[in-house]
Amino acid sequence: MENAFSYVTEPQPRMQGGDSRYNRLAQVQMFKEANPDLELEAKTKKVTEKLSESMNIIANEPSLAFFRIQEHVRKCLPQLAETKHEVQDLQQKVQGASFDAEYAANAVHEMHKSSSHFTNIQDLLKNSMFLKQQIDYEQNRSPNESSRSPVSGKETQPHKEMDSVVQ
């Protein structure tokens, strides 16, 4: 029974921190061949080392990713904060200009609404000019003209020349 497997139950020694996975697997000998194959052992060692390296890379990949993210944030954050402050300043200026434009538009609308008031003012000015001209005419008129009413002292005939001046 040279090629047969024999079950060996040897006590397992405690591993040290520097031992690789291959050393751990090599020490556990559940199935020990009677005739060890050196080529198979070398291939097994190579596979277990590559597997160990792959596991190490996979385990450390998230740490590396977080490190890269941290590095990126550290480099870009000051520029991003400065840009944010510039955008906030521009937003305040635009909002102020918008309020000013809205206020001016409301003032123009209110001026359009007040056109009836301006028309009334214009009519009142025409009437006051007409009355002023009548008063001036009465004051310049000679005191002995007969067109005055004996009771009121006012004219009985309308002045046509005054109407043409007012209009």
C-alpha atoms as a PDB file:
ATOM      1  CA  MET A   1       0.000   0.000   0.000  1.00  0.00           C
ATOM      2  CA  GLU A   2       2.513   2.523  -1.031  1.00  0.00           C
ATOM      3  CA  ASN A   3       0.115   4.709  -3.021  1.00  0.00           C
ATOM      4  CA  ALA A   4      -2.615   4.576  -0.487  1.00  0.00           C
ATOM      5  CA  PHE A   5      -3.517   7.446   1.779  1.00  0.00           C
ATOM      6  CA  SER A   6      -3.101   7.166   5.456  1.00  0.00           C
ATOM      7  CA  TYR A   7      -4.965   9.280   7.957  1.00  0.00           C
ATOM      8  CA  VAL A   8      -2.619  11.211  10.169  1.00  0.00           C
ATOM      9  CA  THR A   9      -3.848  13.190  13.097  1.00  0.00           C
ATOM     10  CA  GLU A  10      -0.927  15.190  14.271  1.00  0.00           C
ATOM     11  CA  PRO A  11      -1.406  18.055  16.669  1.00  0.00           C
ATOM     12  CA  GLN A  12      -1.434  21.404  14.890  1.00  0.00           C
ATOM     13  CA  PRO A  13       1.090  23.974  16.080  1.00  0.00           C
ATOM     14  CA  ARG A  14      -0.019  27.546  16.772  1.00  0.00           C
ATOM     15  CA  MET A  15       0.595  29.837  13.795  1.00  0.00           C
ATOM     16  CA  GLN A  16       2.647  32.982  13.935  1.00  0.00           C
ATOM     17  CA  GLY A  17       1.575  36.289  12.352  1.00  0.00           C
ATOM     18  CA  GLY A  18       4.106  36.030   9.513  1.00  0.00           C
ATOM     19  CA  ASP A  19       3.060  32.586   8.254  1.00  0.00           C
ATOM     20  CA  SER A  20       1.415  32.466   4.882  1.00  0.00           C
ATOM     21  CA  ARG A  21      -1.660  30.483   3.949  1.00  0.00           C
ATOM     22  CA  TYR A  22       0.494  27.884   2.291  1.00  0.00           C
ATOM     23  CA  ASN A  23       2.324  27.162   5.515  1.00  0.00           C
ATOM     24  CA  ARG A  24      -0.956  26.728   7.329  1.00  0.00           C
ATOM     25  CA  LEU A  25      -2.309  24.409   4.685  1.00  0.00           C
ATOM     26  CA  ALA A  26       0.933  22.487   4.454  1.00  0.00           C
ATOM     27  CA  GLN A  27       0.890  21.764   8.172  1.00  0.00           C
ATOM     28  CA  VAL A  28      -2.614  20.356   8.129  1.00  0.00           C
ATOM     29  CA  GLN A  29      -2.051  16.901   6.786  1.00  0.00           C
ATOM     30  CA  MET A  30      -5.296  15.060   6.795  1.00  0.00           C
ATOM     31  CA  PHE A  31      -4.430  13.089   3.736  1.00  0.00           C
ATOM     32  CA  LYS A  32      -0.770  12.433   3.520  1.00  0.00           C
ATOM     33  CA  GLU A  33       0.547  10.673   0.515  1.00  0.00           C
ATOM     34  CA  ALA A  34       2.973   7.958   1.014  1.00  0.00           C
ATOM     35  CA  ASN A  35       5.087   9.356  -1.811  1.00  0.00           C
ATOM     36  CA  PRO A  36       5.022  13.215  -1.937  1.00  0.00           C
ATOM     37  CA  ASP A  37       5.119  14.755  -5.406  1.00  0.00           C
ATOM     38  CA  LEU A  38       7.447  17.764  -5.436  1.00  0.00           C
ATOM     39  CA  GLU A  39       6.050  19.236  -8.654  1.00  0.00           C
ATOM     40  CA  LEU A  40       2.514  19.088  -7.297  1.00  0.00           C
ATOM     41  CA  GLU A  41       3.681  20.654  -4.061  1.00  0.00           C
ATOM     42  CA  ALA A  42       5.352  23.551  -5.959  1.00  0.00           C
ATOM     43  CA  LYS A  43       2.231  24.174  -8.031  1.00  0.00           C
ATOM     44  CA  THR A  44       0.082  24.040  -4.912  1.00  0.00           C
ATOM     45  CA  LYS A  45       2.370  26.519  -3.188  1.00  0.00           C
ATOM     46  CA  LYS A  46       2.199  28.878  -6.183  1.00  0.00           C
ATOM     47  CA  VAL A  47      -1.618  28.670  -6.349  1.00  0.00           C
ATOM     48  CA  THR A  48      -2.030  29.291  -2.631  1.00  0.00           C
ATOM     49  CA  GLU A  49       0.315  32.300  -2.763  1.00  0.00           C
ATOM     50  CA  LYS A  50      -1.620  33.808  -5.695  1.00  0.00           C
ATOM     51  CA  LEU A  51      -4.884  33.114  -3.882  1.00  0.00           C
ATOM     52  CA  SER A  52      -3.509  34.748  -0.753  1.00  0.00           C
ATOM     53  CA  GLU A  53      -2.340  37.766  -2.734  1.00  0.00           C
ATOM     54  CA  SER A  54      -5.730  38.058  -4.437  1.00  0.00           C
ATOM     55  CA  MET A  55      -7.544  37.873  -1.110  1.00  0.00           C
ATOM     56  CA  ASN A  56      -5.237  40.556   0.289  1.00  0.00           C
ATOM     57  CA  ILE A  57      -5.937  42.853  -2.684  1.00  0.00           C
ATOM     58  CA  ILE A  58      -9.683  42.266  -2.451  1.00  0.00           C
ATOM     59  CA  ALA A  59      -9.639  42.936   1.290  1.00  0.00           C
ATOM     60  CA  ASN A  60      -7.676  46.187   0.866  1.00  0.00           C
ATOM     61  CA  GLU A  61      -9.519  47.476  -2.232  1.00  0.00           C
ATOM     62  CA  PRO A  62     -12.197  49.391  -0.268  1.00  0.00           C
ATOM     63  CA  SER A  63      -9.500  51.055   1.845  1.00  0.00           C
ATOM     64  CA  LEU A  64      -7.668  52.143  -1.274  1.00  0.00           C
ATOM     65  CA  ALA A  65     -10.890  53.453  -2.798  1.00  0.00           C
ATOM     66  CA  PHE A  66     -11.691  55.477   0.325  1.00  0.00           C
ATOM     67  CA  PHE A  67      -8.146  56.839   0.353  1.00  0.00           C
ATOM     68  CA  ARG A  68      -8.525  58.002  -3.260  1.00  0.00           C
ATOM     69  CA  ILE A  69     -11.876  59.619  -2.462  1.00  0.00           C
ATOM     70  CA  GLN A  70     -10.381  61.389   0.560  1.00  0.00           C
ATOM     71  CA  GLU A  71      -7.464  62.623  -1.532  1.00  0.00           C
ATOM     72  CA  HIS A  72      -9.820  63.928  -4.217  1.00  0.00           C
ATOM     73  CA  VAL A  73     -12.033  65.714  -1.659  1.00  0.00           C
ATOM     74  CA  ARG A  74      -9.027  67.298   0.038  1.00  0.00           C
ATOM     75  CA  LYS A  75      -7.798  68.703  -3.290  1.00  0.00           C
ATOM     76  CA  CYS A  76     -11.159  69.882  -4.684  1.00  0.00           C
ATOM     77  CA  LEU A  77     -12.962  71.142  -1.574  1.00  0.00           C
ATOM     78  CA  PRO A  78     -11.311  74.604  -1.334  1.00  0.00           C
ATOM     79  CA  GLN A  79     -12.070  75.378  -4.990  1.00  0.00           C
ATOM     80  CA  LEU A  80     -15.613  74.096  -4.588  1.00  0.00           C
ATOM     81  CA  ALA A  81     -16.192  76.248  -1.495  1.00  0.00           C
ATOM     82  CA  GLU A  82     -14.846  79.346  -3.281  1.00  0.00           C
ATOM     83  CA  THR A  83     -17.086  78.700  -6.273  1.00  0.00           C
ATOM     84  CA  LYS A  84     -20.069  78.253  -3.960  1.00  0.00           C
ATOM     85  CA  HIS A  85     -19.440  81.657  -2.344  1.00  0.00           C
ATOM     86  CA  GLU A  86     -19.103  83.301  -5.771  1.00  0.00           C
ATOM     87  CA  VAL A  87     -22.400  81.762  -6.892  1.00  0.00           C
ATOM     88  CA  GLN A  88     -24.117  82.973  -3.713  1.00  0.00           C
ATOM     89  CA  ASP A  89     -22.815  86.522  -4.283  1.00  0.00           C
ATOM     90  CA  LEU A  90     -24.018  86.462  -7.888  1.00  0.00           C
ATOM     91  CA  GLN A  91     -27.394  85.125  -6.763  1.00  0.00           C
ATOM     92  CA  GLN A  92     -27.798  88.048  -4.338  1.00  0.00           C
ATOM     93  CA  LYS A  93     -26.876  90.567  -7.051  1.00  0.00           C
ATOM     94  CA  VAL A  94     -29.287  89.010  -9.538  1.00  0.00           C
ATOM     95  CA  GLN A  95     -32.043  88.923  -6.922  1.00  0.00           C
ATOM     96  CA  GLY A  96     -31.455  92.626  -6.142  1.00  0.00           C
ATOM     97  CA  ALA A  97     -31.564  93.536  -9.835  1.00  0.00           C
ATOM     98  CA  SER A  98     -34.744  91.488 -10.219  1.00  0.00           C
ATOM     99  CA  PHE A  99     -36.397  93.337  -7.329  1.00  0.00           C
ATOM    100  CA  ASP A 100     -35.341  96.694  -8.819  1.00  0.00           C
ATOM    101  CA  ALA A 101     -36.745  95.766 -12.237  1.00  0.00           C
ATOM    102  CA  GLU A 102     -39.997  94.572 -10.670  1.00  0.00           C
ATOM    103  CA  TYR A 103     -40.293  97.805  -8.672  1.00  0.00           C
ATOM    104  CA  ALA A 104     -39.714  99.901 -11.820  1.00  0.00           C
ATOM    105  CA  ALA A 105     -42.297  97.880 -13.777  1.00  0.00           C
ATOM    106  CA  ASN A 106     -44.849  98.391 -10.997  1.00  0.00           C
ATOM    107  CA  ALA A 107     -44.130 102.141 -11.034  1.00  0.00           C
ATOM    108  CA  VAL A 108     -44.747 102.286 -14.791  1.00  0.00           C
ATOM    109  CA  HIS A 109     -48.044 100.382 -14.394  1.00  0.00           C
ATOM    110  CA  GLU A 110     -49.127 102.784 -11.654  1.00  0.00           C
ATOM    111  CA  MET A 111     -48.288 105.742 -13.905  1.00  0.00           C
ATOM    112  CA  HIS A 112     -50.536 104.276 -16.615  1.00  0.00           C
ATOM    113  CA  LYS A 113     -53.317 103.963 -14.058  1.00  0.00           C
ATOM    114  CA  SER A 114     -52.892 107.626 -13.064  1.00  0.00           C
ATOM    115  CA  SER A 115     -53.540 108.970 -16.598  1.00  0.00           C
ATOM    116  CA  SER A 116     -57.111 109.878 -15.596  1.00  0.00           C
ATOM    117  CA  HIS A 117     -55.704 112.001 -12.768  1.00  0.00           C
ATOM    118  CA  PHE A 118     -53.395 113.800 -15.195  1.00  0.00           C
ATOM    119  CA  THR A 119     -56.364 114.457 -17.493  1.00  0.00           C
ATOM    120  CA  ASN A 120     -58.293 115.939 -14.559  1.00  0.00           C
ATOM    121  CA  ILE A 121     -55.303 118.099 -13.647  1.00  0.00           C
ATOM    122  CA  GLN A 122     -55.035 119.306 -17.240  1.00  0.00           C
ATOM    123  CA  ASP A 123     -58.736 120.248 -17.273  1.00  0.00           C
ATOM    124  CA  LEU A 124     -58.393 122.078 -13.981  1.00  0.00           C
ATOM    125  CA  LEU A 125     -55.367 123.980 -15.328  1.00  0.00           C
ATOM    126  CA  LYS A 126     -57.335 125.014 -18.426  1.00  0.00           C
ATOM    127  CA  ASN A 127     -60.199 126.204 -16.262  1.00  0.00           C
ATOM    128  CA  SER A 128     -57.865 128.130 -13.955  1.00  0.00           C
ATOM    129  CA  MET A 129     -56.147 129.774 -16.957  1.00  0.00           C
ATOM    130  CA  PHE A 130     -59.511 130.753 -18.355  1.00  0.00           C
ATOM    131  CA  LEU A 131     -60.632 132.187 -15.033  1.00  0.00           C
ATOM    132  CA  LYS A 132     -57.305 134.031 -14.649  1.00  0.00           C
ATOM    133  CA  GLN A 133     -57.741 135.532 -18.124  1.00  0.00           C
ATOM    134  CA  GLN A 134     -61.270 136.597 -17.250  1.00  0.00           C
ATOM    135  CA  ILE A 135     -60.071 138.233 -14.057  1.00  0.00           C
ATOM    136  CA  ASP A 136     -57.277 140.025 -15.939  1.00  0.00           C
ATOM    137  CA  TYR A 137     -59.704 141.156 -18.602  1.00  0.00           C
ATOM    138  CA  GLU A 138     -62.128 142.483 -15.999  1.00  0.00           C
ATOM    139  CA  GLN A 139     -59.356 144.350 -14.247  1.00  0.00           C
ATOM    140  CA  ASN A 140     -58.089 145.916 -17.493  1.00  0.00           C
ATOM    141  CA  ARG A 141     -61.532 146.919 -18.712  1.00  0.00           C
ATOM    142  CA  SER A 142     -62.541 150.504 -18.220  1.00  0.00           C
ATOM    143  CA  PRO A 143     -64.892 151.158 -15.313  1.00  0.00           C
ATOM    144  CA  ASN A 144     -67.527 153.046 -17.335  1.00  0.00           C
ATOM    145  CA  GLU A 145     -68.492 150.405 -19.905  1.00  0.00           C
ATOM    146  CA  SER A 146     -72.174 149.613 -20.126  1.00  0.00           C
ATOM    147  CA  SER A 147     -71.969 145.877 -20.475  1.00  0.00           C
ATOM    148  CA  ARG A 148     -71.917 145.367 -16.725  1.00  0.00           C
ATOM    149  CA  SER A 149     -74.989 144.317 -14.937  1.00  0.00           C
ATOM    150  CA  PRO A 150     -76.130 146.950 -12.477  1.00  0.00           C
ATOM    151  CA  VAL A 151     -76.822 144.375  -9.779  1.00  0.00           C
ATOM    152  CA  SER A 152     -73.887 141.994  -9.864  1.00  0.00           C
ATOM    153  CA  GLY A 153     -71.240 143.944 -11.715  1.00  0.00           C
ATOM    154  CA  LYS A 154     -70.517 140.966 -13.983  1.00  0.00           C
ATOM    155  CA  GLU A 155     -70.491 140.797 -17.749  1.00  0.00           C
ATOM    156  CA  THR A 156     -73.644 139.760 -19.518  1.00  0.00           C
ATOM    157  CA  GLN A 157     -71.962 138.771 -22.823  1.00  0.00           C
ATOM    158  CA  PRO A 158     -69.491 135.884 -23.138  1.00  0.00           C
ATOM    159  CA  HIS A 159     -66.009 136.586 -24.389  1.00  0.00           C
ATOM    160  CA  LYS A 160     -65.390 134.602 -27.540  1.00  0.00           C
ATOM    161  CA  GLU A 161     -61.759 135.530 -27.780  1.00  0.00           C
ATOM    162  CA  MET A 162     -61.071 133.944 -24.354  1.00  0.00           C
ATOM    163  CA  ASP A 163     -62.520 130.605 -25.416  1.00  0.00           C
ATOM    164  CA  SER A 164     -60.168 130.404 -28.377  1.00  0.00           C
ATOM    165  CA  VAL A 165     -57.119 131.048 -26.156  1.00  0.00           C
ATOM    166  CA  VAL A 166     -58.012 128.347 -23.644  1.00  0.00           C
ATOM    167  CA  GLN A 167     -58.680 125.675 -26.186  1.00  0.00           C
END
